[in-house]
C-alpha atoms as a PDB file:
ATOM      1  CA  MET A   1     111.377 120.134 204.348  1.00  0.00           C
ATOM      2  CA  LEU A   2     115.067 120.491 205.114  1.00  0.00           C
ATOM      3  CA  SER A   3     115.989 122.658 208.068  1.00  0.00           C
ATOM      4  CA  PHE A   4     117.794 125.876 207.234  1.00  0.00           C
ATOM      5  CA  PRO A   5     119.885 128.175 209.429  1.00  0.00           C
ATOM      6  CA  LYS A   6     118.116 131.068 211.104  1.00  0.00           C
ATOM      7  CA  PRO A   7     118.804 134.448 209.480  1.00  0.00           C
ATOM      8  CA  GLU A   8     120.674 137.370 210.969  1.00  0.00           C
ATOM      9  CA  MET A   9     120.749 140.928 209.690  1.00  0.00           C
ATOM     10  CA  ILE A  10     124.303 142.157 209.120  1.00  0.00           C
ATOM     11  CA  GLU A  11     125.237 145.738 208.252  1.00  0.00           C
ATOM     12  CA  VAL A  12     127.613 145.858 205.284  1.00  0.00           C
ATOM     13  CA  GLY A  13     128.354 149.470 204.482  1.00  0.00           C
ATOM     14  CA  ASP A  14     125.156 151.347 203.683  1.00  0.00           C
ATOM     15  CA  VAL A  15     122.929 148.264 203.409  1.00  0.00           C
ATOM     16  CA  GLU A  16     121.853 145.335 205.564  1.00  0.00           C
ATOM     17  CA  LEU A  17     121.987 141.791 204.288  1.00  0.00           C
ATOM     18  CA  GLU A  18     119.908 138.892 205.518  1.00  0.00           C
ATOM     19  CA  VAL A  19     122.556 136.226 206.091  1.00  0.00           C
ATOM     20  CA  PHE A  20     122.276 132.539 206.931  1.00  0.00           C
ATOM     21  CA  GLN A  21     125.346 130.896 208.505  1.00  0.00           C
ATOM     22  CA  ALA A  22     126.287 127.428 209.689  1.00  0.00           C
ATOM     23  CA  GLY A  23     129.475 125.639 210.654  1.00  0.00           C
ATOM     24  CA  GLN A  24     131.458 128.570 212.021  1.00  0.00           C
ATOM     25  CA  GLY A  25     135.184 127.978 212.343  1.00  0.00           C
ATOM     26  CA  GLY A  26     135.842 126.092 209.140  1.00  0.00           C
ATOM     27  CA  ILE A  27     137.004 127.258 205.720  1.00  0.00           C
ATOM     28  CA  PRO A  28     134.532 129.977 204.658  1.00  0.00           C
ATOM     29  CA  VAL A  29     132.326 129.205 201.652  1.00  0.00           C
ATOM     30  CA  VAL A  30     129.969 131.929 200.398  1.00  0.00           C
ATOM     31  CA  LEU A  31     126.974 130.725 198.364  1.00  0.00           C
ATOM     32  CA  ALA A  32     125.545 133.268 195.893  1.00  0.00           C
ATOM     33  CA  HIS A  33     122.002 132.809 194.586  1.00  0.00           C
ATOM     34  CA  GLY A  34     120.587 134.091 191.308  1.00  0.00           C
ATOM     35  CA  TRP A  35     117.156 135.144 189.967  1.00  0.00           C
ATOM     36  CA  PRO A  36     114.401 134.583 190.874  1.00  0.00           C
ATOM     37  CA  GLU A  37     115.941 132.829 193.830  1.00  0.00           C
ATOM     38  CA  HIS A  38     116.812 133.150 197.493  1.00  0.00           C
ATOM     39  CA  ALA A  39     119.423 131.874 199.938  1.00  0.00           C
ATOM     40  CA  PHE A  40     117.098 128.885 200.473  1.00  0.00           C
ATOM     41  CA  SER A  41     118.085 127.711 196.977  1.00  0.00           C
ATOM     42  CA  TRP A  42     121.204 126.296 198.670  1.00  0.00           C
ATOM     43  CA  ARG A  43     119.272 124.286 201.289  1.00  0.00           C
ATOM     44  CA  TYR A  44     120.738 120.965 200.083  1.00  0.00           C
ATOM     45  CA  GLN A  45     124.312 122.213 200.074  1.00  0.00           C
ATOM     46  CA  VAL A  46     124.450 123.815 203.542  1.00  0.00           C
ATOM     47  CA  PRO A  47     124.264 120.647 205.688  1.00  0.00           C
ATOM     48  CA  ALA A  48     126.548 118.708 203.354  1.00  0.00           C
ATOM     49  CA  LEU A  49     129.223 121.406 203.496  1.00  0.00           C
ATOM     50  CA  VAL A  50     128.927 121.797 207.257  1.00  0.00           C
ATOM     51  CA  ALA A  51     129.341 118.033 207.667  1.00  0.00           C
ATOM     52  CA  GLU A  52     132.676 118.365 205.832  1.00  0.00           C
ATOM     53  CA  GLY A  53     133.839 121.093 208.211  1.00  0.00           C
ATOM     54  CA  TYR A  54     133.137 124.212 206.140  1.00  0.00           C
ATOM     55  CA  HIS A  55     131.802 127.551 207.404  1.00  0.00           C
ATOM     56  CA  VAL A  56     128.847 128.217 205.120  1.00  0.00           C
ATOM     57  CA  ILE A  57     127.702 131.812 204.551  1.00  0.00           C
ATOM     58  CA  VAL A  58     124.566 132.361 202.472  1.00  0.00           C
ATOM     59  CA  PRO A  59     123.481 135.985 202.017  1.00  0.00           C
ATOM     60  CA  ASN A  60     120.324 137.140 200.383  1.00  0.00           C
ATOM     61  CA  GLN A  61     121.688 139.580 197.818  1.00  0.00           C
ATOM     62  CA  ARG A  62     120.562 143.194 198.166  1.00  0.00           C
ATOM     63  CA  GLY A  63     117.006 143.421 196.829  1.00  0.00           C
ATOM     64  CA  TYR A  64     116.073 139.892 197.935  1.00  0.00           C
ATOM     65  CA  GLY A  65     114.365 138.499 201.017  1.00  0.00           C
ATOM     66  CA  ARG A  66     114.737 140.946 203.876  1.00  0.00           C
ATOM     67  CA  SER A  67     117.990 142.435 202.658  1.00  0.00           C
ATOM     68  CA  SER A  68     118.003 146.166 201.928  1.00  0.00           C
ATOM     69  CA  GLN A  69     116.502 147.500 198.716  1.00  0.00           C
ATOM     70  CA  PRO A  70     118.295 150.701 197.683  1.00  0.00           C
ATOM     71  CA  GLU A  71     116.176 152.867 195.410  1.00  0.00           C
ATOM     72  CA  SER A  72     118.688 153.678 192.668  1.00  0.00           C
ATOM     73  CA  VAL A  73     119.146 151.151 189.889  1.00  0.00           C
ATOM     74  CA  GLU A  74     122.910 151.827 189.910  1.00  0.00           C
ATOM     75  CA  SER A  75     123.067 150.452 193.465  1.00  0.00           C
ATOM     76  CA  TYR A  76     122.755 146.967 191.966  1.00  0.00           C
ATOM     77  CA  ASP A  77     125.777 147.089 189.667  1.00  0.00           C
ATOM     78  CA  CYS A  78     128.673 144.656 189.957  1.00  0.00           C
ATOM     79  CA  HIS A  79     130.766 147.123 191.984  1.00  0.00           C
ATOM     80  CA  HIS A  80     128.177 147.694 194.709  1.00  0.00           C
ATOM     81  CA  MET A  81     127.201 144.055 194.937  1.00  0.00           C
ATOM     82  CA  THR A  82     130.738 142.665 195.102  1.00  0.00           C
ATOM     83  CA  SER A  83     131.518 145.376 197.674  1.00  0.00           C
ATOM     84  CA  ASP A  84     128.774 143.771 199.779  1.00  0.00           C
ATOM     85  CA  TYR A  85     130.846 140.580 199.757  1.00  0.00           C
ATOM     86  CA  ASN A  86     133.978 142.442 200.838  1.00  0.00           C
ATOM     87  CA  ALA A  87     132.142 144.198 203.661  1.00  0.00           C
ATOM     88  CA  LEU A  88     130.486 140.960 204.772  1.00  0.00           C
ATOM     89  CA  LEU A  89     133.855 139.209 205.009  1.00  0.00           C
ATOM     90  CA  ASP A  90     135.232 142.195 206.912  1.00  0.00           C
ATOM     91  CA  VAL A  91     132.411 142.069 209.467  1.00  0.00           C
ATOM     92  CA  LEU A  92     132.950 138.332 209.919  1.00  0.00           C
ATOM     93  CA  GLY A  93     136.730 138.763 210.272  1.00  0.00           C
ATOM     94  CA  ILE A  94     137.481 136.727 207.148  1.00  0.00           C
ATOM     95  CA  ASP A  95     140.356 137.569 204.818  1.00  0.00           C
ATOM     96  CA  LYS A  96     139.259 135.478 201.852  1.00  0.00           C
ATOM     97  CA  ALA A  97     136.653 132.834 201.065  1.00  0.00           C
ATOM     98  CA  VAL A  98     135.591 130.344 198.435  1.00  0.00           C
ATOM     99  CA  PHE A  99     132.700 131.750 196.393  1.00  0.00           C
ATOM    100  CA  VAL A 100     130.058 129.526 194.824  1.00  0.00           C
ATOM    101  CA  GLY A 101     127.448 131.033 192.488  1.00  0.00           C
ATOM    102  CA  HIS A 102     124.437 129.991 190.444  1.00  0.00           C
ATOM    103  CA  ASP A 103     122.622 131.810 187.617  1.00  0.00           C
ATOM    104  CA  TRP A 104     123.427 135.554 187.790  1.00  0.00           C
ATOM    105  CA  GLY A 105     124.999 134.774 191.159  1.00  0.00           C
ATOM    106  CA  ALA A 106     127.631 132.993 189.064  1.00  0.00           C
ATOM    107  CA  ILE A 107     128.049 136.088 186.879  1.00  0.00           C
ATOM    108  CA  LEU A 108     128.490 138.150 190.032  1.00  0.00           C
ATOM    109  CA  VAL A 109     131.092 135.737 191.402  1.00  0.00           C
ATOM    110  CA  TRP A 110     133.017 135.910 188.091  1.00  0.00           C
ATOM    111  CA  HIS A 111     132.939 139.715 188.410  1.00  0.00           C
ATOM    112  CA  HIS A 112     134.105 139.418 192.016  1.00  0.00           C
ATOM    113  CA  ALA A 113     137.072 137.326 190.890  1.00  0.00           C
ATOM    114  CA  LEU A 114     138.063 140.075 188.430  1.00  0.00           C
ATOM    115  CA  LEU A 115     137.410 143.069 190.687  1.00  0.00           C
ATOM    116  CA  ASN A 116     138.503 141.742 194.089  1.00  0.00           C
ATOM    117  CA  PRO A 117     140.845 138.795 193.466  1.00  0.00           C
ATOM    118  CA  GLU A 118     142.531 139.187 196.854  1.00  0.00           C
ATOM    119  CA  ARG A 119     139.297 138.248 198.669  1.00  0.00           C
ATOM    120  CA  ILE A 120     138.806 134.971 196.818  1.00  0.00           C
ATOM    121  CA  ALA A 121     140.505 131.613 197.359  1.00  0.00           C
ATOM    122  CA  GLY A 122     138.564 129.729 194.712  1.00  0.00           C
ATOM    123  CA  VAL A 123     135.516 129.941 192.469  1.00  0.00           C
ATOM    124  CA  ALA A 124     132.830 127.320 191.882  1.00  0.00           C
ATOM    125  CA  ASN A 125     129.977 128.295 189.573  1.00  0.00           C
ATOM    126  CA  LEU A 126     126.856 126.586 188.309  1.00  0.00           C
ATOM    127  CA  SER A 127     125.021 127.132 185.009  1.00  0.00           C
ATOM    128  CA  VAL A 128     126.657 130.353 183.792  1.00  0.00           C
ATOM    129  CA  PRO A 129     130.265 130.155 182.531  1.00  0.00           C
ATOM    130  CA  PHE A 130     132.725 133.020 182.389  1.00  0.00           C
ATOM    131  CA  ARG A 131     132.275 135.233 179.358  1.00  0.00           C
ATOM    132  CA  PRO A 132     134.812 137.966 178.653  1.00  0.00           C
ATOM    133  CA  ARG A 133     133.599 141.524 178.322  1.00  0.00           C
ATOM    134  CA  GLU A 134     131.731 141.999 175.054  1.00  0.00           C
ATOM    135  CA  GLN A 135     132.976 144.338 172.334  1.00  0.00           C
ATOM    136  CA  ALA A 136     129.681 146.267 172.358  1.00  0.00           C
ATOM    137  CA  ASP A 137     126.852 147.041 174.761  1.00  0.00           C
ATOM    138  CA  PRO A 138     125.296 143.615 175.460  1.00  0.00           C
ATOM    139  CA  VAL A 139     121.752 144.903 175.960  1.00  0.00           C
ATOM    140  CA  ALA A 140     121.812 146.700 172.611  1.00  0.00           C
ATOM    141  CA  PHE A 141     123.191 143.540 170.984  1.00  0.00           C
ATOM    142  CA  TRP A 142     120.444 141.350 172.473  1.00  0.00           C
ATOM    143  CA  GLU A 143     117.836 143.878 171.423  1.00  0.00           C
ATOM    144  CA  GLN A 144     119.086 143.752 167.839  1.00  0.00           C
ATOM    145  CA  MET A 145     119.388 139.962 167.726  1.00  0.00           C
ATOM    146  CA  LEU A 146     116.510 138.818 169.947  1.00  0.00           C
ATOM    147  CA  GLY A 147     114.085 141.719 169.987  1.00  0.00           C
ATOM    148  CA  GLN A 148     112.651 144.072 172.569  1.00  0.00           C
ATOM    149  CA  GLU A 149     110.752 141.319 174.377  1.00  0.00           C
ATOM    150  CA  PHE A 150     113.853 139.270 175.248  1.00  0.00           C
ATOM    151  CA  TYR A 151     113.667 139.265 179.025  1.00  0.00           C
ATOM    152  CA  ILE A 152     116.862 141.229 179.798  1.00  0.00           C
ATOM    153  CA  VAL A 153     116.004 143.765 177.099  1.00  0.00           C
ATOM    154  CA  HIS A 154     112.429 143.891 178.431  1.00  0.00           C
ATOM    155  CA  PHE A 155     113.643 144.629 181.979  1.00  0.00           C
ATOM    156  CA  ASN A 156     115.770 147.496 180.606  1.00  0.00           C
ATOM    157  CA  ARG A 157     113.435 149.012 178.026  1.00  0.00           C
ATOM    158  CA  GLN A 158     110.155 148.504 179.906  1.00  0.00           C
ATOM    159  CA  PRO A 159     111.270 148.765 183.542  1.00  0.00           C
ATOM    160  CA  GLY A 160     108.780 147.568 186.114  1.00  0.00           C
ATOM    161  CA  VAL A 161     106.272 146.033 183.701  1.00  0.00           C
ATOM    162  CA  ALA A 162     107.369 142.427 184.166  1.00  0.00           C
ATOM    163  CA  ALA A 163     108.079 142.886 187.891  1.00  0.00           C
ATOM    164  CA  THR A 164     104.520 144.121 188.452  1.00  0.00           C
ATOM    165  CA  SER A 165     103.147 141.097 186.615  1.00  0.00           C
ATOM    166  CA  PHE A 166     105.305 138.772 188.728  1.00  0.00           C
ATOM    167  CA  GLU A 167     104.083 140.431 191.930  1.00  0.00           C
ATOM    168  CA  ASN A 168     100.474 140.068 190.864  1.00  0.00           C
ATOM    169  CA  ASN A 169     100.940 136.349 190.208  1.00  0.00           C
ATOM    170  CA  THR A 170     103.836 135.309 192.459  1.00  0.00           C
ATOM    171  CA  ARG A 171     102.783 131.701 193.091  1.00  0.00           C
ATOM    172  CA  GLN A 172     102.038 130.984 189.445  1.00  0.00           C
ATOM    173  CA  PHE A 173     105.195 132.698 188.218  1.00  0.00           C
ATOM    174  CA  LEU A 174     107.491 130.769 190.565  1.00  0.00           C
ATOM    175  CA  THR A 175     105.651 127.508 189.931  1.00  0.00           C
ATOM    176  CA  ASN A 176     106.201 128.009 186.196  1.00  0.00           C
ATOM    177  CA  MET A 177     109.861 128.909 186.630  1.00  0.00           C
ATOM    178  CA  TYR A 178     110.887 126.065 188.931  1.00  0.00           C
ATOM    179  CA  ARG A 179     110.320 123.192 186.519  1.00  0.00           C
ATOM    180  CA  THR A 180     112.343 120.028 185.931  1.00  0.00           C
ATOM    181  CA  LYS A 181     114.553 119.324 182.950  1.00  0.00           C
ATOM    182  CA  GLN A 182     111.697 117.561 181.126  1.00  0.00           C
ATOM    183  CA  TRP A 183     110.309 121.029 180.558  1.00  0.00           C
ATOM    184  CA  LEU A 184     113.590 122.919 180.387  1.00  0.00           C
ATOM    185  CA  GLU A 185     115.022 120.770 177.632  1.00  0.00           C
ATOM    186  CA  THR A 186     112.228 121.815 175.247  1.00  0.00           C
ATOM    187  CA  GLY A 187     113.709 125.309 175.183  1.00  0.00           C
ATOM    188  CA  GLU A 188     110.304 126.780 175.940  1.00  0.00           C
ATOM    189  CA  ASN A 189     111.544 128.182 179.230  1.00  0.00           C
ATOM    190  CA  GLN A 190     113.692 130.723 177.370  1.00  0.00           C
ATOM    191  CA  PRO A 191     112.059 134.087 178.097  1.00  0.00           C
ATOM    192  CA  ALA A 192     111.673 135.316 174.527  1.00  0.00           C
ATOM    193  CA  GLY A 193     108.775 136.969 172.773  1.00  0.00           C
ATOM    194  CA  ASN A 194     106.071 137.777 175.306  1.00  0.00           C
ATOM    195  CA  SER A 195     106.804 134.658 177.361  1.00  0.00           C
ATOM    196  CA  ILE A 196     108.399 136.498 180.291  1.00  0.00           C
ATOM    197  CA  ILE A 197     104.991 138.056 181.002  1.00  0.00           C
ATOM    198  CA  SER A 198     103.089 134.886 180.153  1.00  0.00           C
ATOM    199  CA  MET A 199     105.225 133.036 182.705  1.00  0.00           C
ATOM    200  CA  ALA A 200     103.238 134.916 185.332  1.00  0.00           C
ATOM    201  CA  GLU A 201      99.876 134.938 183.603  1.00  0.00           C
ATOM    202  CA  THR A 202      99.569 131.448 182.066  1.00  0.00           C
ATOM    203  CA  MET A 203     100.038 128.160 183.890  1.00  0.00           C
ATOM    204  CA  VAL A 204     102.713 125.912 182.381  1.00  0.00           C
ATOM    205  CA  GLU A 205     101.725 122.252 182.179  1.00  0.00           C
ATOM    206  CA  ARG A 206     105.021 120.780 180.950  1.00  0.00           C
ATOM    207  CA  GLY A 207     107.512 119.199 183.307  1.00  0.00           C
ATOM    208  CA  GLU A 208     107.151 118.907 187.051  1.00  0.00           C
ATOM    209  CA  LEU A 209     107.649 121.245 189.970  1.00  0.00           C
ATOM    210  CA  MET A 210     111.168 120.410 191.139  1.00  0.00           C
ATOM    211  CA  MET A 211     110.488 121.050 194.815  1.00  0.00           C
ATOM    212  CA  SER A 212     107.790 120.342 197.371  1.00  0.00           C
ATOM    213  CA  GLU A 213     104.897 122.720 197.955  1.00  0.00           C
ATOM    214  CA  GLU A 214     106.331 123.382 201.410  1.00  0.00           C
ATOM    215  CA  GLU A 215     109.654 124.427 199.893  1.00  0.00           C
ATOM    216  CA  LEU A 216     107.927 126.516 197.233  1.00  0.00           C
ATOM    217  CA  ALA A 217     106.109 128.367 200.006  1.00  0.00           C
ATOM    218  CA  VAL A 218     109.466 129.650 201.314  1.00  0.00           C
ATOM    219  CA  PHE A 219     110.195 131.332 197.978  1.00  0.00           C
ATOM    220  CA  ILE A 220     106.650 132.667 197.664  1.00  0.00           C
ATOM    221  CA  GLU A 221     106.775 134.208 201.131  1.00  0.00           C
ATOM    222  CA  ALA A 222     110.154 135.792 200.396  1.00  0.00           C
ATOM    223  CA  PHE A 223     108.981 137.423 197.163  1.00  0.00           C
ATOM    224  CA  ASP A 224     105.651 138.421 198.682  1.00  0.00           C
ATOM    225  CA  HIS A 225     107.798 140.431 201.099  1.00  0.00           C
ATOM    226  CA  SER A 226     110.471 141.790 198.744  1.00  0.00           C
ATOM    227  CA  GLY A 227     108.600 142.012 195.474  1.00  0.00           C
ATOM    228  CA  PHE A 228     110.430 141.701 192.153  1.00  0.00           C
ATOM    229  CA  HIS A 229     111.315 145.286 191.219  1.00  0.00           C
ATOM    230  CA  ALA A 230     114.604 145.413 193.141  1.00  0.00           C
ATOM    231  CA  ALA A 231     115.401 141.817 192.210  1.00  0.00           C
ATOM    232  CA  CYS A 232     115.282 142.718 188.512  1.00  0.00           C
ATOM    233  CA  ASN A 233     117.727 145.605 188.929  1.00  0.00           C
ATOM    234  CA  TRP A 234     120.772 143.384 188.462  1.00  0.00           C
ATOM    235  CA  TYR A 235     119.677 142.890 184.840  1.00  0.00           C
ATOM    236  CA  ARG A 236     119.183 146.635 184.438  1.00  0.00           C
ATOM    237  CA  ASN A 237     122.925 147.094 185.068  1.00  0.00           C
ATOM    238  CA  PHE A 238     124.288 144.978 182.227  1.00  0.00           C
ATOM    239  CA  THR A 239     125.125 148.081 180.213  1.00  0.00           C
ATOM    240  CA  ARG A 240     126.558 149.888 183.239  1.00  0.00           C
ATOM    241  CA  ASN A 241     128.687 146.875 184.177  1.00  0.00           C
ATOM    242  CA  TRP A 242     129.977 146.757 180.599  1.00  0.00           C
ATOM    243  CA  GLU A 243     130.794 150.463 180.624  1.00  0.00           C
ATOM    244  CA  THR A 244     132.573 150.462 183.987  1.00  0.00           C
ATOM    245  CA  THR A 245     134.759 147.388 183.447  1.00  0.00           C
ATOM    246  CA  ALA A 246     136.465 148.483 180.206  1.00  0.00           C
ATOM    247  CA  SER A 247     139.897 148.544 181.873  1.00  0.00           C
ATOM    248  CA  VAL A 248     139.500 145.314 183.877  1.00  0.00           C
ATOM    249  CA  GLU A 249     141.704 142.445 182.711  1.00  0.00           C
ATOM    250  CA  GLN A 250     139.538 139.501 181.687  1.00  0.00           C
ATOM    251  CA  LYS A 251     141.451 136.786 183.508  1.00  0.00           C
ATOM    252  CA  VAL A 252     140.308 134.622 186.430  1.00  0.00           C
ATOM    253  CA  ILE A 253     143.438 133.600 188.326  1.00  0.00           C
ATOM    254  CA  HIS A 254     141.812 131.351 190.931  1.00  0.00           C
ATOM    255  CA  PRO A 255     141.216 127.607 190.933  1.00  0.00           C
ATOM    256  CA  SER A 256     137.771 127.291 189.378  1.00  0.00           C
ATOM    257  CA  LEU A 257     135.028 124.677 189.159  1.00  0.00           C
ATOM    258  CA  MET A 258     132.183 124.822 186.625  1.00  0.00           C
ATOM    259  CA  ILE A 259     129.053 122.663 186.759  1.00  0.00           C
ATOM    260  CA  TYR A 260     126.658 122.714 183.795  1.00  0.00           C
ATOM    261  CA  GLY A 261     123.146 121.355 183.409  1.00  0.00           C
ATOM    262  CA  GLN A 262     122.929 119.272 180.238  1.00  0.00           C
ATOM    263  CA  HIS A 263     119.425 120.599 179.504  1.00  0.00           C
ATOM    264  CA  ASP A 264     120.031 124.140 180.685  1.00  0.00           C
ATOM    265  CA  MET A 265     119.111 126.957 178.292  1.00  0.00           C
ATOM    266  CA  VAL A 266     122.458 128.610 179.147  1.00  0.00           C
ATOM    267  CA  PRO A 267     125.006 127.325 176.610  1.00  0.00           C
ATOM    268  CA  GLN A 268     128.336 125.852 177.585  1.00  0.00           C
ATOM    269  CA  THR A 269     131.311 128.028 176.695  1.00  0.00           C
ATOM    270  CA  ASP A 270     135.000 127.479 175.994  1.00  0.00           C
ATOM    271  CA  MET A 271     136.771 129.474 178.719  1.00  0.00           C
ATOM    272  CA  THR A 272     140.278 128.713 177.452  1.00  0.00           C
ATOM    273  CA  GLY A 273     142.503 131.745 177.813  1.00  0.00           C
ATOM    274  CA  TYR A 274     140.326 133.357 180.471  1.00  0.00           C
ATOM    275  CA  VAL A 275     140.047 130.735 183.242  1.00  0.00           C
ATOM    276  CA  ASP A 276     143.250 128.699 183.174  1.00  0.00           C
ATOM    277  CA  ASP A 277     142.830 126.555 186.303  1.00  0.00           C
ATOM    278  CA  LEU A 278     139.423 125.132 185.414  1.00  0.00           C
ATOM    279  CA  GLU A 279     137.597 121.877 186.093  1.00  0.00           C
ATOM    280  CA  GLU A 280     134.252 121.230 184.369  1.00  0.00           C
ATOM    281  CA  HIS A 281     131.376 118.821 184.950  1.00  0.00           C
ATOM    282  CA  THR A 282     127.943 118.350 183.354  1.00  0.00           C
ATOM    283  CA  LEU A 283     124.911 116.899 185.124  1.00  0.00           C
ATOM    284  CA  ASP A 284     121.730 115.456 183.621  1.00  0.00           C
ATOM    285  CA  CYS A 285     119.439 118.309 184.647  1.00  0.00           C
ATOM    286  CA  GLY A 286     118.118 121.701 183.670  1.00  0.00           C
ATOM    287  CA  HIS A 287     118.889 125.163 184.990  1.00  0.00           C
ATOM    288  CA  TRP A 288     118.283 124.699 188.737  1.00  0.00           C
ATOM    289  CA  ILE A 289     121.309 122.460 189.100  1.00  0.00           C
ATOM    290  CA  GLN A 290     121.893 122.382 192.870  1.00  0.00           C
ATOM    291  CA  GLN A 291     118.187 121.837 193.519  1.00  0.00           C
ATOM    292  CA  GLU A 292     117.506 119.320 190.739  1.00  0.00           C
ATOM    293  CA  LYS A 293     120.630 117.230 191.385  1.00  0.00           C
ATOM    294  CA  PRO A 294     121.622 118.013 194.981  1.00  0.00           C
ATOM    295  CA  GLN A 295     123.528 114.809 195.746  1.00  0.00           C
ATOM    296  CA  GLU A 296     125.524 114.921 192.526  1.00  0.00           C
ATOM    297  CA  THR A 297     126.217 118.634 192.955  1.00  0.00           C
ATOM    298  CA  ASN A 298     127.355 118.109 196.542  1.00  0.00           C
ATOM    299  CA  GLN A 299     129.620 115.239 195.573  1.00  0.00           C
ATOM    300  CA  ILE A 300     131.389 117.246 192.849  1.00  0.00           C
ATOM    301  CA  LEU A 301     131.595 120.425 194.909  1.00  0.00           C
ATOM    302  CA  ILE A 302     132.846 118.794 198.114  1.00  0.00           C
ATOM    303  CA  GLU A 303     135.399 116.623 196.329  1.00  0.00           C
ATOM    304  CA  TRP A 304     136.788 119.727 194.605  1.00  0.00           C
ATOM    305  CA  LEU A 305     136.777 121.776 197.810  1.00  0.00           C
ATOM    306  CA  ASN A 306     138.559 119.059 199.764  1.00  0.00           C
ATOM    307  CA  ARG A 307     141.141 118.530 197.035  1.00  0.00           C
ATOM    308  CA  ARG A 308     141.805 122.093 195.926  1.00  0.00           C
ATOM    309  CA  MET A 309     140.777 124.423 198.754  1.00  0.00           C
ATOM    310  CA  LYS A 310     141.727 122.662 201.989  1.00  0.00           C
ATOM    311  CA  PRO A 311     145.457 122.656 201.110  1.00  0.00           C
ATOM    312  CA  LEU A 312     145.297 126.446 200.561  1.00  0.00           C
ATOM    313  CA  PHE A 313     143.957 127.055 204.080  1.00  0.00           C
ATOM    314  CA  ASN A 314     146.250 124.619 205.926  1.00  0.00           C
END
C-alpha cells in the first residue's frame, strides 16, 4: 500500500479538521474528497504532486474521518464547509491555493470559487462539472422526476435510514461502491429505486474492487470511526444551498480543469458561459477517476498545474 502523510488535527473556527500535508513550501494545492470517501482517496496524487514541488493539503471534510461532526444539519452547508477552507488557509498562512475536487468535493470547490474567489488561484475538478443554480428546489425536482428512493431524495426525506444501513454493513457497502468501470458502465451503480439500501445489504458481483484489500481497510476503519450520518449531511443541504445562493453570480472566473470518466454515471455538461477559462479531458474509467486511472490523472493534472498555475505564483 502507498504511504500516506501522517494526520494532524487543525482548529478551523469552531471545528477541527484532520489534515494530511506533504511538500511544505511549494504552491499550495488543496485536495477535496467526496462521498463516501476520505483524504486517502488522493493517495496516488500526493507523492506525484510533491515530486513536482507542490505543497499538498488534504483535509478530511467535517463529518469524515476524525474531523469534527457538528450536530446540526445546517453545519454542513456550502457556506460552513467553504469557510473551513478559508480558516484552514488562514491557519497555514496561505493567501490563496489551487483547489482540486472529486464527486461532491468538486461541487464544493465550484461553490468555493463562487463564494470565495479571492482565496482560489485555480480549480481542477473530477467527475462533477459546474452546474448553474437551478430554477427550482433541486431535491423537489429529483423527487418528482426520480422518485422518493433516489438517493439524495432518500437522504432528505428519510434521514438516517440509509446511514444506519451503511453502518451496519460498512465493509459490504464500501466494497460494492468501489467498483471498476466494468460495473459502473452498466448504469446499475446509480442509486435509484431501493438500490441505495441494497448497496449495503446485497453483495454486488459485477466488476472488480478497484483497490487492494489493504487500501479498502483504510476506508473501512475511517467509517467505522465516523459512521455515515454526518457524512450524508452534505446531501441534506442541497435545498439550503439553493436557497442561500440566490444572489450569487454563477460565473467561475478562475482557470479551470475538468476531468471526466467516460463510464461515469455523472453526465458531462456544457459549461459555456459559466466557466470561460476551461480545459476538459475524458479518461476511460468510471466514477473513481483518480483511483482508477491514477497515472493518467496525475499526468493531466500536473501538466495543467505546471503550465497554468506556476506562472501565477512566480
